[in-house]
Amino acid sequence: MTDAFSGTLHLRLSASARHRYLVLIVHAAAAGVVLALALHRPWLACLLLPVAMAAGVSWRSAMLRGETRIVRLHWHGNDTWSWQTRDGRWYSGVRTQAYVFATVLVIVTLRAHHARWRKTRVIVFRDSIDGDSHRRLRARLTVAPSPNEPAVDG
């Protein structure tokens, strides 16, 4: 019998509706706070531009647009990772951190073998991959953490 944690876990990511709603809610709330403050200090209305710019960047990230967005993840049995970006490039490396937030989302921080200081973070919402794959990812991160990593939050 094979170990459920020794095989390669293949994940194909898609844009998450929950991620998009979260981006909209957070940035709408920020704009609302700026507008409320601008009633008494009108010069604060100029902060709407940075909020709008941050919303655009976050929306682009939530839609997986941009050449560096991760669209595929492979977690190999020997605890190495491979990932493909939207521009078609493949990278391999190791996981430096992982956070599991109940059944809602998983945040994985990866470091490519060739990039000593640069880390890549990928947010995997439950609706961005199929349910069974998300369950397997959460289980492997929770039950079989990396030996060089402290306990997973969640």
N, C-alpha and C. Protein backbone atom coordinates (compact mmCIF):
# COMPACT_ATOMS: atom_id res chain seq x y z
N MET A 1 0.85 -1.18 0.00
CA MET A 1 0.00 0.00 0.00
C MET A 1 0.89 1.24 0.00
N THR A 2 0.55 2.22 -0.80
CA THR A 2 1.36 3.43 -0.90
C THR A 2 0.88 4.46 0.11
N ASP A 3 1.80 5.29 0.54
CA ASP A 3 1.50 6.37 1.46
C ASP A 3 0.80 7.49 0.71
N ALA A 4 -0.28 8.01 1.27
CA ALA A 4 -1.04 9.08 0.61
C ALA A 4 -0.24 10.37 0.50
N PHE A 5 0.83 10.50 1.28
CA PHE A 5 1.61 11.73 1.28
C PHE A 5 2.89 11.61 0.46
N SER A 6 3.14 10.48 -0.16
CA SER A 6 4.40 10.30 -0.88
C SER A 6 4.29 10.61 -2.37
N GLY A 7 3.09 10.63 -2.92
CA GLY A 7 2.92 10.90 -4.34
C GLY A 7 2.94 12.38 -4.65
N THR A 8 2.97 12.70 -5.92
CA THR A 8 2.96 14.09 -6.36
C THR A 8 1.52 14.60 -6.38
N LEU A 9 1.32 15.76 -5.82
CA LEU A 9 0.02 16.41 -5.81
C LEU A 9 0.02 17.45 -6.92
N HIS A 10 -0.86 17.28 -7.90
CA HIS A 10 -0.95 18.18 -9.05
C HIS A 10 -2.13 19.12 -8.86
N LEU A 11 -1.88 20.42 -8.92
CA LEU A 11 -2.93 21.42 -8.74
C LEU A 11 -2.93 22.38 -9.92
N ARG A 12 -4.10 22.58 -10.51
CA ARG A 12 -4.27 23.56 -11.58
C ARG A 12 -5.16 24.67 -11.02
N LEU A 13 -4.59 25.86 -10.89
CA LEU A 13 -5.29 26.98 -10.26
C LEU A 13 -6.09 27.77 -11.27
N SER A 14 -7.23 28.26 -10.82
CA SER A 14 -8.05 29.16 -11.63
C SER A 14 -8.42 30.36 -10.76
N ALA A 15 -8.98 31.38 -11.37
CA ALA A 15 -9.38 32.58 -10.63
C ALA A 15 -10.49 32.22 -9.64
N SER A 16 -10.39 32.75 -8.44
CA SER A 16 -11.34 32.44 -7.39
C SER A 16 -12.36 33.57 -7.24
N ALA A 17 -13.63 33.21 -7.22
CA ALA A 17 -14.69 34.20 -7.01
C ALA A 17 -14.59 34.78 -5.60
N ARG A 18 -14.25 33.95 -4.62
CA ARG A 18 -14.10 34.43 -3.24
C ARG A 18 -12.99 35.46 -3.13
N HIS A 19 -11.90 35.23 -3.84
CA HIS A 19 -10.79 36.18 -3.83
C HIS A 19 -11.22 37.51 -4.43
N ARG A 20 -11.95 37.46 -5.52
CA ARG A 20 -12.44 38.69 -6.16
C ARG A 20 -13.39 39.45 -5.23
N TYR A 21 -14.32 38.74 -4.57
CA TYR A 21 -15.24 39.39 -3.64
C TYR A 21 -14.48 40.02 -2.48
N LEU A 22 -13.48 39.33 -1.98
CA LEU A 22 -12.67 39.86 -0.89
C LEU A 22 -11.96 41.15 -1.31
N VAL A 23 -11.41 41.15 -2.52
CA VAL A 23 -10.74 42.35 -3.04
C VAL A 23 -11.74 43.51 -3.13
N LEU A 24 -12.91 43.23 -3.66
CA LEU A 24 -13.93 44.29 -3.79
C LEU A 24 -14.36 44.83 -2.43
N ILE A 25 -14.62 43.94 -1.49
CA ILE A 25 -15.10 44.36 -0.17
C ILE A 25 -14.05 45.17 0.57
N VAL A 26 -12.81 44.69 0.57
CA VAL A 26 -11.75 45.39 1.30
C VAL A 26 -11.49 46.77 0.71
N HIS A 27 -11.42 46.87 -0.60
CA HIS A 27 -11.12 48.17 -1.21
C HIS A 27 -12.33 49.11 -1.18
N ALA A 28 -13.53 48.58 -1.25
CA ALA A 28 -14.72 49.43 -1.09
C ALA A 28 -14.78 49.98 0.33
N ALA A 29 -14.44 49.15 1.31
CA ALA A 29 -14.42 49.62 2.70
C ALA A 29 -13.36 50.70 2.88
N ALA A 30 -12.18 50.49 2.28
CA ALA A 30 -11.12 51.50 2.38
C ALA A 30 -11.56 52.81 1.73
N ALA A 31 -12.20 52.73 0.59
CA ALA A 31 -12.70 53.95 -0.08
C ALA A 31 -13.77 54.62 0.77
N GLY A 32 -14.62 53.82 1.41
CA GLY A 32 -15.65 54.39 2.29
C GLY A 32 -15.05 55.12 3.48
N VAL A 33 -14.00 54.57 4.05
CA VAL A 33 -13.33 55.23 5.18
C VAL A 33 -12.70 56.54 4.71
N VAL A 34 -12.04 56.52 3.56
CA VAL A 34 -11.41 57.73 3.02
C VAL A 34 -12.48 58.80 2.76
N LEU A 35 -13.60 58.39 2.17
CA LEU A 35 -14.68 59.36 1.90
C LEU A 35 -15.26 59.93 3.19
N ALA A 36 -15.43 59.09 4.20
CA ALA A 36 -15.96 59.57 5.48
C ALA A 36 -15.00 60.57 6.12
N LEU A 37 -13.71 60.28 6.04
CA LEU A 37 -12.72 61.21 6.60
C LEU A 37 -12.62 62.49 5.78
N ALA A 38 -12.85 62.36 4.48
CA ALA A 38 -12.75 63.52 3.60
C ALA A 38 -13.88 64.52 3.82
N LEU A 39 -14.95 64.12 4.49
CA LEU A 39 -16.03 65.07 4.80
C LEU A 39 -15.53 66.19 5.70
N HIS A 40 -14.62 65.87 6.59
CA HIS A 40 -14.10 66.87 7.53
C HIS A 40 -12.73 67.40 7.11
N ARG A 41 -12.02 66.64 6.35
CA ARG A 41 -10.71 67.07 5.83
C ARG A 41 -10.69 66.78 4.33
N PRO A 42 -11.18 67.68 3.50
CA PRO A 42 -11.32 67.43 2.07
C PRO A 42 -10.04 67.01 1.35
N TRP A 43 -8.88 67.42 1.85
CA TRP A 43 -7.64 67.04 1.20
C TRP A 43 -7.37 65.54 1.28
N LEU A 44 -8.03 64.84 2.20
CA LEU A 44 -7.86 63.40 2.31
C LEU A 44 -8.47 62.63 1.13
N ALA A 45 -9.32 63.31 0.36
CA ALA A 45 -9.92 62.66 -0.81
C ALA A 45 -8.87 62.25 -1.83
N CYS A 46 -7.69 62.88 -1.77
CA CYS A 46 -6.62 62.48 -2.70
C CYS A 46 -6.13 61.06 -2.41
N LEU A 47 -6.49 60.49 -1.28
CA LEU A 47 -6.12 59.11 -0.96
C LEU A 47 -6.95 58.09 -1.74
N LEU A 48 -8.00 58.56 -2.40
CA LEU A 48 -8.80 57.64 -3.20
C LEU A 48 -8.00 57.08 -4.38
N LEU A 49 -7.07 57.86 -4.90
CA LEU A 49 -6.25 57.39 -6.02
C LEU A 49 -5.38 56.19 -5.61
N PRO A 50 -4.64 56.25 -4.50
CA PRO A 50 -3.88 55.05 -4.11
C PRO A 50 -4.77 53.85 -3.80
N VAL A 51 -5.94 54.10 -3.23
CA VAL A 51 -6.86 52.99 -2.95
C VAL A 51 -7.31 52.36 -4.26
N ALA A 52 -7.64 53.19 -5.25
CA ALA A 52 -8.06 52.67 -6.56
C ALA A 52 -6.92 51.91 -7.24
N MET A 53 -5.70 52.43 -7.13
CA MET A 53 -4.56 51.73 -7.73
C MET A 53 -4.32 50.39 -7.06
N ALA A 54 -4.40 50.34 -5.73
CA ALA A 54 -4.24 49.08 -5.00
C ALA A 54 -5.34 48.10 -5.37
N ALA A 55 -6.55 48.61 -5.57
CA ALA A 55 -7.66 47.74 -5.97
C ALA A 55 -7.40 47.14 -7.35
N GLY A 56 -6.85 47.94 -8.26
CA GLY A 56 -6.54 47.42 -9.59
C GLY A 56 -5.48 46.34 -9.56
N VAL A 57 -4.43 46.56 -8.79
CA VAL A 57 -3.36 45.57 -8.67
C VAL A 57 -3.90 44.29 -8.02
N SER A 58 -4.69 44.45 -6.97
CA SER A 58 -5.26 43.28 -6.29
C SER A 58 -6.23 42.52 -7.18
N TRP A 59 -7.03 43.24 -7.96
CA TRP A 59 -7.97 42.60 -8.88
C TRP A 59 -7.22 41.80 -9.93
N ARG A 60 -6.16 42.38 -10.45
CA ARG A 60 -5.34 41.69 -11.46
C ARG A 60 -4.75 40.41 -10.87
N SER A 61 -4.31 40.49 -9.63
CA SER A 61 -3.77 39.31 -8.95
C SER A 61 -4.85 38.26 -8.74
N ALA A 62 -6.04 38.68 -8.33
CA ALA A 62 -7.14 37.75 -8.08
C ALA A 62 -7.60 37.06 -9.37
N MET A 63 -7.45 37.74 -10.49
CA MET A 63 -7.85 37.16 -11.78
C MET A 63 -6.74 36.33 -12.41
N LEU A 64 -5.60 36.21 -11.71
CA LEU A 64 -4.42 35.47 -12.18
C LEU A 64 -3.89 36.05 -13.49
N ARG A 65 -3.99 37.36 -13.63
CA ARG A 65 -3.42 38.02 -14.80
C ARG A 65 -2.02 38.44 -14.43
N GLY A 66 -1.21 38.57 -15.42
CA GLY A 66 0.19 38.91 -15.17
C GLY A 66 1.05 37.68 -15.41
N GLU A 67 2.19 37.91 -15.99
CA GLU A 67 3.05 36.80 -16.40
C GLU A 67 3.60 35.99 -15.24
N THR A 68 3.72 36.58 -14.06
CA THR A 68 4.34 35.86 -12.94
C THR A 68 3.33 35.16 -12.03
N ARG A 69 2.07 35.20 -12.37
CA ARG A 69 1.05 34.52 -11.56
C ARG A 69 1.17 33.01 -11.73
N ILE A 70 1.07 32.30 -10.64
CA ILE A 70 1.20 30.84 -10.65
C ILE A 70 -0.13 30.23 -11.08
N VAL A 71 -0.08 29.35 -12.09
CA VAL A 71 -1.29 28.70 -12.57
C VAL A 71 -1.28 27.19 -12.34
N ARG A 72 -0.11 26.62 -12.06
CA ARG A 72 0.00 25.18 -11.75
C ARG A 72 0.99 24.98 -10.62
N LEU A 73 0.66 24.05 -9.74
CA LEU A 73 1.54 23.66 -8.64
C LEU A 73 1.67 22.15 -8.63
N HIS A 74 2.89 21.69 -8.41
CA HIS A 74 3.13 20.26 -8.22
C HIS A 74 3.93 20.11 -6.93
N TRP A 75 3.38 19.36 -5.99
CA TRP A 75 4.08 19.08 -4.74
C TRP A 75 4.55 17.64 -4.82
N HIS A 76 5.85 17.46 -4.97
CA HIS A 76 6.42 16.13 -5.14
C HIS A 76 6.58 15.44 -3.79
N GLY A 77 6.66 14.13 -3.82
CA GLY A 77 6.74 13.34 -2.60
C GLY A 77 7.98 13.62 -1.77
N ASN A 78 9.05 14.10 -2.38
CA ASN A 78 10.28 14.38 -1.63
C ASN A 78 10.28 15.80 -1.07
N ASP A 79 9.13 16.42 -0.96
CA ASP A 79 8.92 17.76 -0.41
C ASP A 79 9.54 18.87 -1.25
N THR A 80 9.71 18.64 -2.54
CA THR A 80 10.09 19.71 -3.45
C THR A 80 8.84 20.12 -4.22
N TRP A 81 8.86 21.33 -4.72
CA TRP A 81 7.72 21.89 -5.42
C TRP A 81 8.14 22.32 -6.82
N SER A 82 7.22 22.24 -7.75
CA SER A 82 7.38 22.80 -9.09
C SER A 82 6.16 23.65 -9.35
N TRP A 83 6.35 24.77 -10.03
CA TRP A 83 5.21 25.61 -10.36
C TRP A 83 5.41 26.25 -11.72
N GLN A 84 4.27 26.48 -12.37
CA GLN A 84 4.27 27.11 -13.69
C GLN A 84 3.60 28.46 -13.58
N THR A 85 4.24 29.46 -14.17
CA THR A 85 3.65 30.80 -14.18
C THR A 85 2.83 30.97 -15.45
N ARG A 86 2.07 32.03 -15.48
CA ARG A 86 1.17 32.28 -16.62
C ARG A 86 1.92 32.40 -17.94
N ASP A 87 3.17 32.83 -17.92
CA ASP A 87 3.94 32.95 -19.15
C ASP A 87 4.52 31.61 -19.62
N GLY A 88 4.22 30.52 -18.93
CA GLY A 88 4.64 29.19 -19.35
C GLY A 88 5.93 28.69 -18.75
N ARG A 89 6.61 29.48 -17.96
CA ARG A 89 7.88 29.06 -17.36
C ARG A 89 7.64 28.17 -16.15
N TRP A 90 8.49 27.17 -16.02
CA TRP A 90 8.44 26.26 -14.88
C TRP A 90 9.59 26.58 -13.94
N TYR A 91 9.32 26.51 -12.66
CA TYR A 91 10.33 26.71 -11.63
C TYR A 91 10.24 25.54 -10.66
N SER A 92 11.33 25.26 -9.99
CA SER A 92 11.29 24.27 -8.93
C SER A 92 11.98 24.85 -7.71
N GLY A 93 11.54 24.42 -6.55
CA GLY A 93 12.09 24.96 -5.32
C GLY A 93 11.52 24.26 -4.11
N VAL A 94 11.55 24.98 -3.01
CA VAL A 94 11.09 24.43 -1.74
C VAL A 94 10.06 25.36 -1.12
N ARG A 95 9.29 24.80 -0.23
CA ARG A 95 8.31 25.58 0.53
C ARG A 95 9.01 26.13 1.76
N THR A 96 8.83 27.44 1.99
CA THR A 96 9.42 28.04 3.18
C THR A 96 8.39 28.25 4.28
N GLN A 97 7.14 28.48 3.91
CA GLN A 97 6.06 28.65 4.88
C GLN A 97 4.76 28.17 4.27
N ALA A 98 3.84 27.82 5.14
CA ALA A 98 2.49 27.48 4.69
C ALA A 98 1.52 27.78 5.82
N TYR A 99 0.39 28.36 5.47
CA TYR A 99 -0.66 28.65 6.42
C TYR A 99 -1.96 28.08 5.89
N VAL A 100 -2.65 27.36 6.76
CA VAL A 100 -3.95 26.79 6.41
C VAL A 100 -4.99 27.50 7.25
N PHE A 101 -5.93 28.17 6.60
CA PHE A 101 -7.00 28.87 7.29
C PHE A 101 -8.30 28.09 7.13
N ALA A 102 -8.50 27.17 8.07
CA ALA A 102 -9.68 26.29 8.08
C ALA A 102 -9.84 25.64 6.70
N THR A 103 -11.04 25.67 6.16
CA THR A 103 -11.26 25.08 4.84
C THR A 103 -11.34 26.15 3.76
N VAL A 104 -11.08 27.40 4.13
CA VAL A 104 -11.29 28.52 3.21
C VAL A 104 -10.13 28.71 2.25
N LEU A 105 -8.91 28.81 2.78
CA LEU A 105 -7.78 29.09 1.91
C LEU A 105 -6.48 28.58 2.50
N VAL A 106 -5.50 28.47 1.62
CA VAL A 106 -4.15 28.05 1.98
C VAL A 106 -3.19 29.06 1.36
N ILE A 107 -2.22 29.50 2.13
CA ILE A 107 -1.18 30.39 1.61
C ILE A 107 0.14 29.63 1.69
N VAL A 108 0.79 29.48 0.54
CA VAL A 108 2.06 28.76 0.47
C VAL A 108 3.13 29.73 -0.02
N THR A 109 4.24 29.79 0.68
CA THR A 109 5.38 30.61 0.27
C THR A 109 6.45 29.68 -0.26
N LEU A 110 6.89 29.95 -1.49
CA LEU A 110 7.86 29.10 -2.17
C LEU A 110 9.12 29.90 -2.49
N ARG A 111 10.24 29.20 -2.52
CA ARG A 111 11.51 29.80 -2.92
C ARG A 111 12.14 28.92 -3.97
N ALA A 112 12.37 29.50 -5.14
CA ALA A 112 12.99 28.75 -6.24
C ALA A 112 14.44 28.44 -5.89
N HIS A 113 14.94 27.33 -6.42
CA HIS A 113 16.31 26.93 -6.14
C HIS A 113 17.31 27.98 -6.61
N HIS A 114 17.04 28.63 -7.73
CA HIS A 114 17.98 29.61 -8.28
C HIS A 114 17.83 31.00 -7.66
N ALA A 115 16.80 31.24 -6.89
CA ALA A 115 16.56 32.56 -6.30
C ALA A 115 16.72 32.46 -4.78
N ARG A 116 17.87 32.83 -4.32
CA ARG A 116 18.18 32.65 -2.91
C ARG A 116 17.34 33.53 -1.99
N TRP A 117 17.08 34.76 -2.38
CA TRP A 117 16.41 35.70 -1.50
C TRP A 117 14.96 35.98 -1.89
N ARG A 118 14.57 35.69 -3.10
CA ARG A 118 13.22 36.01 -3.56
C ARG A 118 12.26 34.86 -3.26
N LYS A 119 11.13 35.23 -2.72
CA LYS A 119 10.11 34.23 -2.40
C LYS A 119 8.84 34.55 -3.19
N THR A 120 8.11 33.51 -3.51
CA THR A 120 6.85 33.63 -4.24
C THR A 120 5.74 33.11 -3.34
N ARG A 121 4.68 33.88 -3.25
CA ARG A 121 3.56 33.48 -2.40
C ARG A 121 2.35 33.19 -3.29
N VAL A 122 1.70 32.08 -3.02
CA VAL A 122 0.50 31.72 -3.78
C VAL A 122 -0.65 31.49 -2.78
N ILE A 123 -1.79 32.10 -3.09
CA ILE A 123 -2.99 31.95 -2.26
C ILE A 123 -3.93 31.01 -2.99
N VAL A 124 -4.29 29.93 -2.33
CA VAL A 124 -5.16 28.92 -2.94
C VAL A 124 -6.48 28.93 -2.19
N PHE A 125 -7.48 29.60 -2.75
CA PHE A 125 -8.82 29.59 -2.18
C PHE A 125 -9.49 28.26 -2.51
N ARG A 126 -10.48 27.91 -1.72
CA ARG A 126 -11.17 26.63 -1.91
C ARG A 126 -11.81 26.51 -3.29
N ASP A 127 -12.29 27.63 -3.85
CA ASP A 127 -12.95 27.55 -5.14
C ASP A 127 -12.00 27.79 -6.32
N SER A 128 -10.70 27.86 -6.06
CA SER A 128 -9.76 28.03 -7.17
C SER A 128 -9.24 26.69 -7.71
N ILE A 129 -9.48 25.61 -6.98
CA ILE A 129 -9.17 24.25 -7.44
C ILE A 129 -10.32 23.36 -7.04
N ASP A 130 -10.31 22.13 -7.52
CA ASP A 130 -11.41 21.23 -7.15
C ASP A 130 -11.32 20.88 -5.67
N GLY A 131 -12.46 20.56 -5.09
CA GLY A 131 -12.57 20.34 -3.66
C GLY A 131 -11.68 19.24 -3.12
N ASP A 132 -11.55 18.15 -3.87
CA ASP A 132 -10.73 17.03 -3.41
C ASP A 132 -9.26 17.42 -3.37
N SER A 133 -8.80 18.16 -4.36
CA SER A 133 -7.40 18.60 -4.38
C SER A 133 -7.12 19.57 -3.25
N HIS A 134 -8.07 20.45 -2.97
CA HIS A 134 -7.87 21.40 -1.87
C HIS A 134 -7.83 20.66 -0.54
N ARG A 135 -8.66 19.66 -0.38
CA ARG A 135 -8.65 18.86 0.84
C ARG A 135 -7.32 18.13 1.00
N ARG A 136 -6.82 17.55 -0.08
CA ARG A 136 -5.52 16.86 -0.03
C ARG A 136 -4.39 17.82 0.31
N LEU A 137 -4.41 19.02 -0.28
CA LEU A 137 -3.38 20.02 0.01
C LEU A 137 -3.41 20.39 1.48
N ARG A 138 -4.60 20.67 2.02
CA ARG A 138 -4.71 21.03 3.43
C ARG A 138 -4.24 19.89 4.32
N ALA A 139 -4.62 18.66 3.96
CA ALA A 139 -4.23 17.51 4.78
C ALA A 139 -2.72 17.33 4.79
N ARG A 140 -2.09 17.42 3.62
CA ARG A 140 -0.65 17.24 3.57
C ARG A 140 0.09 18.35 4.31
N LEU A 141 -0.41 19.56 4.22
CA LEU A 141 0.23 20.66 4.94
C LEU A 141 0.04 20.55 6.44
N THR A 142 -1.09 20.01 6.86
CA THR A 142 -1.40 19.92 8.29
C THR A 142 -0.80 18.67 8.92
N VAL A 143 -0.97 17.53 8.28
CA VAL A 143 -0.55 16.25 8.86
C VAL A 143 0.93 15.98 8.65
N ALA A 144 1.44 16.33 7.50
CA ALA A 144 2.84 16.03 7.17
C ALA A 144 3.61 17.29 6.86
N PRO A 145 3.84 18.15 7.88
CA PRO A 145 4.57 19.38 7.60
C PRO A 145 6.03 19.11 7.30
N SER A 146 6.66 20.07 6.68
CA SER A 146 8.08 19.97 6.36
C SER A 146 8.90 19.90 7.64
N PRO A 147 9.95 19.10 7.67
CA PRO A 147 10.72 18.98 8.91
C PRO A 147 11.42 20.28 9.31
N ASN A 148 11.69 21.18 8.37
CA ASN A 148 12.38 22.43 8.71
C ASN A 148 11.41 23.58 8.97
N GLU A 149 10.14 23.28 9.10
CA GLU A 149 9.12 24.32 9.29
C GLU A 149 8.42 24.13 10.61
N PRO A 150 8.13 25.23 11.34
CA PRO A 150 7.35 25.11 12.57
C PRO A 150 5.91 24.72 12.26
N ALA A 151 5.15 24.51 13.28
CA ALA A 151 3.76 24.06 13.12
C ALA A 151 2.96 25.02 12.26
N VAL A 152 2.00 24.47 11.51
CA VAL A 152 1.15 25.23 10.61
C VAL A 152 0.06 25.91 11.42
N ASP A 153 -0.19 27.19 11.13
CA ASP A 153 -1.26 27.93 11.81
C ASP A 153 -2.61 27.52 11.23
N GLY A 154 -3.66 27.77 11.97
CA GLY A 154 -4.96 27.54 11.38
C GLY A 154 -6.02 27.16 12.31
